[in-house]
Amino acid sequence: MKTYSATPADIDKKWILIDAEGVVLGRLASIVAMRLRGKHKPQFTPHMDTGDNVIIINADKVQMTGKKRTDKTYYWHTGHPGGIKQRSAEQILEGAHPERVVTQAVKRMLPGNRLSRQLMTNLRVYAGAEHPHEAQQPDLLDVKTMNSKNTRVAK
């Protein structure tokens, strides 16, 4: 028996739409990372982009468990001496670009290589309910009903 390896002709990419309103961030990110990578498909090949294109809407309404909303800190460095900066998840979600929290969570669920940087181009995250991808006719993936732990009521 030979080992199966997908070729570019075998890859069938679909468009998936996910509504992030009320969904727990980590659970959402792991589901999206699996879909981007293509691990839900039987023709998954580790070195190929066999995943789907994913659209996430309402990223500003994503939930976090515990006190992560106030205590989780995102760090970055400006490149200058003493240039470490930080913001809490709450500050980012209430700021100008709340979709960056979801994007960063998904990015960190993928392996750190060239393929994952290519996979991230298949992810589109929008803070509101509107998105410009109606022409692709995305299929709705209801993450809320997959597991009762995927949702959380806002406090």
C-alpha atoms as a PDB file:
ATOM      1  CA  MET A   1       0.000   0.000   0.000  1.00  0.00           C
ATOM      2  CA  LYS A   2       1.360   3.425  -0.966  1.00  0.00           C
ATOM      3  CA  THR A   3       1.232   6.550   1.153  1.00  0.00           C
ATOM      4  CA  TYR A   4      -1.223   9.091  -0.241  1.00  0.00           C
ATOM      5  CA  SER A   5       0.107  12.565  -1.040  1.00  0.00           C
ATOM      6  CA  ALA A   6      -2.221  15.224  -2.441  1.00  0.00           C
ATOM      7  CA  THR A   7      -1.280  17.101  -5.606  1.00  0.00           C
ATOM      8  CA  PRO A   8      -2.483  20.615  -6.504  1.00  0.00           C
ATOM      9  CA  ALA A   9      -5.084  19.072  -8.830  1.00  0.00           C
ATOM     10  CA  ASP A  10      -6.599  17.083  -5.916  1.00  0.00           C
ATOM     11  CA  ILE A  11      -7.169  20.128  -3.707  1.00  0.00           C
ATOM     12  CA  ASP A  12     -10.761  21.378  -3.463  1.00  0.00           C
ATOM     13  CA  LYS A  13     -10.956  24.664  -1.545  1.00  0.00           C
ATOM     14  CA  LYS A  14     -14.285  25.797  -0.098  1.00  0.00           C
ATOM     15  CA  TRP A  15     -15.341  29.040   1.583  1.00  0.00           C
ATOM     16  CA  ILE A  16     -16.508  28.807   5.211  1.00  0.00           C
ATOM     17  CA  LEU A  17     -18.313  31.572   7.141  1.00  0.00           C
ATOM     18  CA  ILE A  18     -18.131  31.600  10.945  1.00  0.00           C
ATOM     19  CA  ASP A  19     -20.032  33.952  13.255  1.00  0.00           C
ATOM     20  CA  ALA A  20     -17.835  34.588  16.320  1.00  0.00           C
ATOM     21  CA  GLU A  21     -20.510  36.303  18.427  1.00  0.00           C
ATOM     22  CA  GLY A  22     -20.537  34.708  21.890  1.00  0.00           C
ATOM     23  CA  VAL A  23     -17.973  32.018  20.978  1.00  0.00           C
ATOM     24  CA  VAL A  24     -14.993  31.330  23.261  1.00  0.00           C
ATOM     25  CA  LEU A  25     -11.796  32.609  21.614  1.00  0.00           C
ATOM     26  CA  GLY A  26      -9.524  29.588  22.098  1.00  0.00           C
ATOM     27  CA  ARG A  27     -12.117  27.079  20.912  1.00  0.00           C
ATOM     28  CA  LEU A  28     -12.869  29.232  17.873  1.00  0.00           C
ATOM     29  CA  ALA A  29      -9.161  29.570  17.057  1.00  0.00           C
ATOM     30  CA  SER A  30      -8.529  25.817  17.238  1.00  0.00           C
ATOM     31  CA  ILE A  31     -11.472  25.035  14.934  1.00  0.00           C
ATOM     32  CA  VAL A  32     -10.390  27.710  12.447  1.00  0.00           C
ATOM     33  CA  ALA A  33      -6.752  26.531  12.507  1.00  0.00           C
ATOM     34  CA  MET A  34      -7.883  22.971  11.770  1.00  0.00           C
ATOM     35  CA  ARG A  35     -10.032  24.201   8.850  1.00  0.00           C
ATOM     36  CA  LEU A  36      -7.208  26.382   7.457  1.00  0.00           C
ATOM     37  CA  ARG A  37      -4.748  23.503   7.631  1.00  0.00           C
ATOM     38  CA  GLY A  38      -7.165  21.021   6.032  1.00  0.00           C
ATOM     39  CA  LYS A  39      -7.014  18.410   8.790  1.00  0.00           C
ATOM     40  CA  HIS A  40     -10.781  17.861   8.562  1.00  0.00           C
ATOM     41  CA  LYS A  41     -10.378  16.438   5.042  1.00  0.00           C
ATOM     42  CA  PRO A  42      -9.419  12.846   4.194  1.00  0.00           C
ATOM     43  CA  GLN A  43      -6.850  14.051   1.623  1.00  0.00           C
ATOM     44  CA  PHE A  44      -4.861  16.050   4.221  1.00  0.00           C
ATOM     45  CA  THR A  45      -1.195  16.309   3.304  1.00  0.00           C
ATOM     46  CA  PRO A  46       1.147  17.982   5.843  1.00  0.00           C
ATOM     47  CA  HIS A  47       3.264  19.897   3.319  1.00  0.00           C
ATOM     48  CA  MET A  48       0.372  21.182   1.143  1.00  0.00           C
ATOM     49  CA  ASP A  49      -2.264  23.877   1.581  1.00  0.00           C
ATOM     50  CA  THR A  50      -5.324  21.603   1.500  1.00  0.00           C
ATOM     51  CA  GLY A  51      -7.460  23.775   3.794  1.00  0.00           C
ATOM     52  CA  ASP A  52     -10.442  26.016   3.165  1.00  0.00           C
ATOM     53  CA  ASN A  53     -10.825  29.786   3.006  1.00  0.00           C
ATOM     54  CA  VAL A  54     -12.342  30.990   6.289  1.00  0.00           C
ATOM     55  CA  ILE A  55     -14.324  34.202   6.887  1.00  0.00           C
ATOM     56  CA  ILE A  56     -14.935  35.228  10.510  1.00  0.00           C
ATOM     57  CA  ILE A  57     -17.520  37.929  11.250  1.00  0.00           C
ATOM     58  CA  ASN A  58     -18.372  39.679  14.557  1.00  0.00           C
ATOM     59  CA  ALA A  59     -14.812  39.248  15.844  1.00  0.00           C
ATOM     60  CA  ASP A  60     -15.351  42.137  18.273  1.00  0.00           C
ATOM     61  CA  LYS A  61     -18.020  40.074  20.108  1.00  0.00           C
ATOM     62  CA  VAL A  62     -15.785  37.067  20.864  1.00  0.00           C
ATOM     63  CA  GLN A  63     -15.784  35.876  24.495  1.00  0.00           C
ATOM     64  CA  MET A  64     -13.011  34.796  26.874  1.00  0.00           C
ATOM     65  CA  THR A  65     -13.292  32.584  29.930  1.00  0.00           C
ATOM     66  CA  GLY A  66     -12.196  33.558  33.407  1.00  0.00           C
ATOM     67  CA  LYS A  67     -10.454  36.923  33.772  1.00  0.00           C
ATOM     68  CA  LYS A  68      -8.579  36.650  30.454  1.00  0.00           C
ATOM     69  CA  ARG A  69     -10.363  39.672  29.002  1.00  0.00           C
ATOM     70  CA  THR A  70      -8.704  41.966  31.549  1.00  0.00           C
ATOM     71  CA  ASP A  71      -5.589  39.962  32.503  1.00  0.00           C
ATOM     72  CA  LYS A  72      -4.378  38.572  29.144  1.00  0.00           C
ATOM     73  CA  THR A  73      -1.569  40.769  27.867  1.00  0.00           C
ATOM     74  CA  TYR A  74      -0.236  41.091  24.331  1.00  0.00           C
ATOM     75  CA  TYR A  75       3.391  42.212  24.053  1.00  0.00           C
ATOM     76  CA  TRP A  76       5.389  43.565  21.114  1.00  0.00           C
ATOM     77  CA  HIS A  77       8.700  45.336  20.687  1.00  0.00           C
ATOM     78  CA  THR A  78       9.327  48.456  18.624  1.00  0.00           C
ATOM     79  CA  GLY A  79      12.920  47.503  17.849  1.00  0.00           C
ATOM     80  CA  HIS A  80      14.358  50.370  19.874  1.00  0.00           C
ATOM     81  CA  PRO A  81      16.062  50.008  23.292  1.00  0.00           C
ATOM     82  CA  GLY A  82      13.425  49.853  26.010  1.00  0.00           C
ATOM     83  CA  GLY A  83      10.732  49.609  23.343  1.00  0.00           C
ATOM     84  CA  ILE A  84       8.592  46.823  24.825  1.00  0.00           C
ATOM     85  CA  LYS A  85       4.897  47.638  24.620  1.00  0.00           C
ATOM     86  CA  GLN A  86       1.826  45.888  25.989  1.00  0.00           C
ATOM     87  CA  ARG A  87      -1.957  45.988  25.814  1.00  0.00           C
ATOM     88  CA  SER A  88      -4.630  43.907  27.475  1.00  0.00           C
ATOM     89  CA  ALA A  89      -7.101  41.908  25.414  1.00  0.00           C
ATOM     90  CA  GLU A  90      -9.870  44.243  26.570  1.00  0.00           C
ATOM     91  CA  GLN A  91      -8.020  47.309  25.270  1.00  0.00           C
ATOM     92  CA  ILE A  92      -7.514  45.691  21.862  1.00  0.00           C
ATOM     93  CA  LEU A  93     -11.117  44.455  21.615  1.00  0.00           C
ATOM     94  CA  GLU A  94     -12.432  47.942  22.436  1.00  0.00           C
ATOM     95  CA  GLY A  95      -9.893  49.660  20.164  1.00  0.00           C
ATOM     96  CA  ALA A  96      -9.778  50.330  16.436  1.00  0.00           C
ATOM     97  CA  HIS A  97      -8.813  46.788  15.343  1.00  0.00           C
ATOM     98  CA  PRO A  98     -10.584  44.165  17.527  1.00  0.00           C
ATOM     99  CA  GLU A  99     -10.135  41.506  14.814  1.00  0.00           C
ATOM    100  CA  ARG A 100      -6.420  41.304  15.665  1.00  0.00           C
ATOM    101  CA  VAL A 101      -7.172  39.261  18.811  1.00  0.00           C
ATOM    102  CA  VAL A 102      -8.807  36.509  16.728  1.00  0.00           C
ATOM    103  CA  THR A 103      -6.130  36.686  14.028  1.00  0.00           C
ATOM    104  CA  GLN A 104      -3.319  36.358  16.585  1.00  0.00           C
ATOM    105  CA  ALA A 105      -5.042  33.433  18.336  1.00  0.00           C
ATOM    106  CA  VAL A 106      -5.409  31.525  15.046  1.00  0.00           C
ATOM    107  CA  LYS A 107      -1.842  32.361  13.990  1.00  0.00           C
ATOM    108  CA  ARG A 108      -0.468  30.944  17.226  1.00  0.00           C
ATOM    109  CA  MET A 109      -2.431  27.691  16.737  1.00  0.00           C
ATOM    110  CA  LEU A 110      -0.646  27.034  13.428  1.00  0.00           C
ATOM    111  CA  PRO A 111       2.933  25.713  13.152  1.00  0.00           C
ATOM    112  CA  GLY A 112       5.592  28.420  12.792  1.00  0.00           C
ATOM    113  CA  ASN A 113       6.797  27.869   9.238  1.00  0.00           C
ATOM    114  CA  ARG A 114       6.379  29.162   5.676  1.00  0.00           C
ATOM    115  CA  LEU A 115       3.276  27.065   5.110  1.00  0.00           C
ATOM    116  CA  SER A 116       1.449  28.650   8.049  1.00  0.00           C
ATOM    117  CA  ARG A 117       2.209  32.122   6.700  1.00  0.00           C
ATOM    118  CA  GLN A 118       0.632  31.017   3.425  1.00  0.00           C
ATOM    119  CA  LEU A 119      -2.351  29.551   5.302  1.00  0.00           C
ATOM    120  CA  MET A 120      -2.950  32.859   7.096  1.00  0.00           C
ATOM    121  CA  THR A 121      -3.679  34.473   3.715  1.00  0.00           C
ATOM    122  CA  ASN A 122      -6.769  32.210   3.529  1.00  0.00           C
ATOM    123  CA  LEU A 123      -8.200  33.792   6.701  1.00  0.00           C
ATOM    124  CA  ARG A 124     -10.395  36.898   6.604  1.00  0.00           C
ATOM    125  CA  VAL A 125     -11.518  38.419   9.906  1.00  0.00           C
ATOM    126  CA  TYR A 126     -14.046  41.259  10.206  1.00  0.00           C
ATOM    127  CA  ALA A 127     -15.091  43.119  13.354  1.00  0.00           C
ATOM    128  CA  GLY A 128     -18.695  43.648  12.218  1.00  0.00           C
ATOM    129  CA  ALA A 129     -21.358  41.491  10.604  1.00  0.00           C
ATOM    130  CA  GLU A 130     -20.612  42.699   7.055  1.00  0.00           C
ATOM    131  CA  HIS A 131     -18.100  41.067   4.713  1.00  0.00           C
ATOM    132  CA  PRO A 132     -17.317  41.564   0.994  1.00  0.00           C
ATOM    133  CA  HIS A 133     -17.219  37.835   0.099  1.00  0.00           C
ATOM    134  CA  GLU A 134     -20.867  37.153  -0.822  1.00  0.00           C
ATOM    135  CA  ALA A 135     -19.829  36.281  -4.398  1.00  0.00           C
ATOM    136  CA  GLN A 136     -17.938  33.210  -3.088  1.00  0.00           C
ATOM    137  CA  GLN A 137     -21.170  31.863  -1.523  1.00  0.00           C
ATOM    138  CA  PRO A 138     -19.575  30.695   1.750  1.00  0.00           C
ATOM    139  CA  ASP A 139     -21.072  27.794   3.709  1.00  0.00           C
ATOM    140  CA  LEU A 140     -22.073  28.659   7.278  1.00  0.00           C
ATOM    141  CA  LEU A 141     -20.214  26.698   9.972  1.00  0.00           C
ATOM    142  CA  ASP A 142     -22.117  26.950  13.259  1.00  0.00           C
ATOM    143  CA  VAL A 143     -19.399  26.683  15.922  1.00  0.00           C
ATOM    144  CA  LYS A 144     -21.880  27.417  18.736  1.00  0.00           C
ATOM    145  CA  THR A 145     -23.788  24.163  18.280  1.00  0.00           C
ATOM    146  CA  MET A 146     -20.720  21.922  17.910  1.00  0.00           C
ATOM    147  CA  ASN A 147     -20.180  21.804  21.681  1.00  0.00           C
ATOM    148  CA  SER A 148     -21.956  23.489  24.597  1.00  0.00           C
ATOM    149  CA  LYS A 149     -18.581  24.706  25.916  1.00  0.00           C
ATOM    150  CA  ASN A 150     -17.966  26.736  22.748  1.00  0.00           C
ATOM    151  CA  THR A 151     -20.269  29.546  23.887  1.00  0.00           C
ATOM    152  CA  ARG A 152     -20.233  31.809  26.883  1.00  0.00           C
ATOM    153  CA  VAL A 153     -22.652  34.480  28.056  1.00  0.00           C
ATOM    154  CA  ALA A 154     -21.062  37.940  28.341  1.00  0.00           C
ATOM    155  CA  LYS A 155     -20.569  39.197  31.901  1.00  0.00           C
END
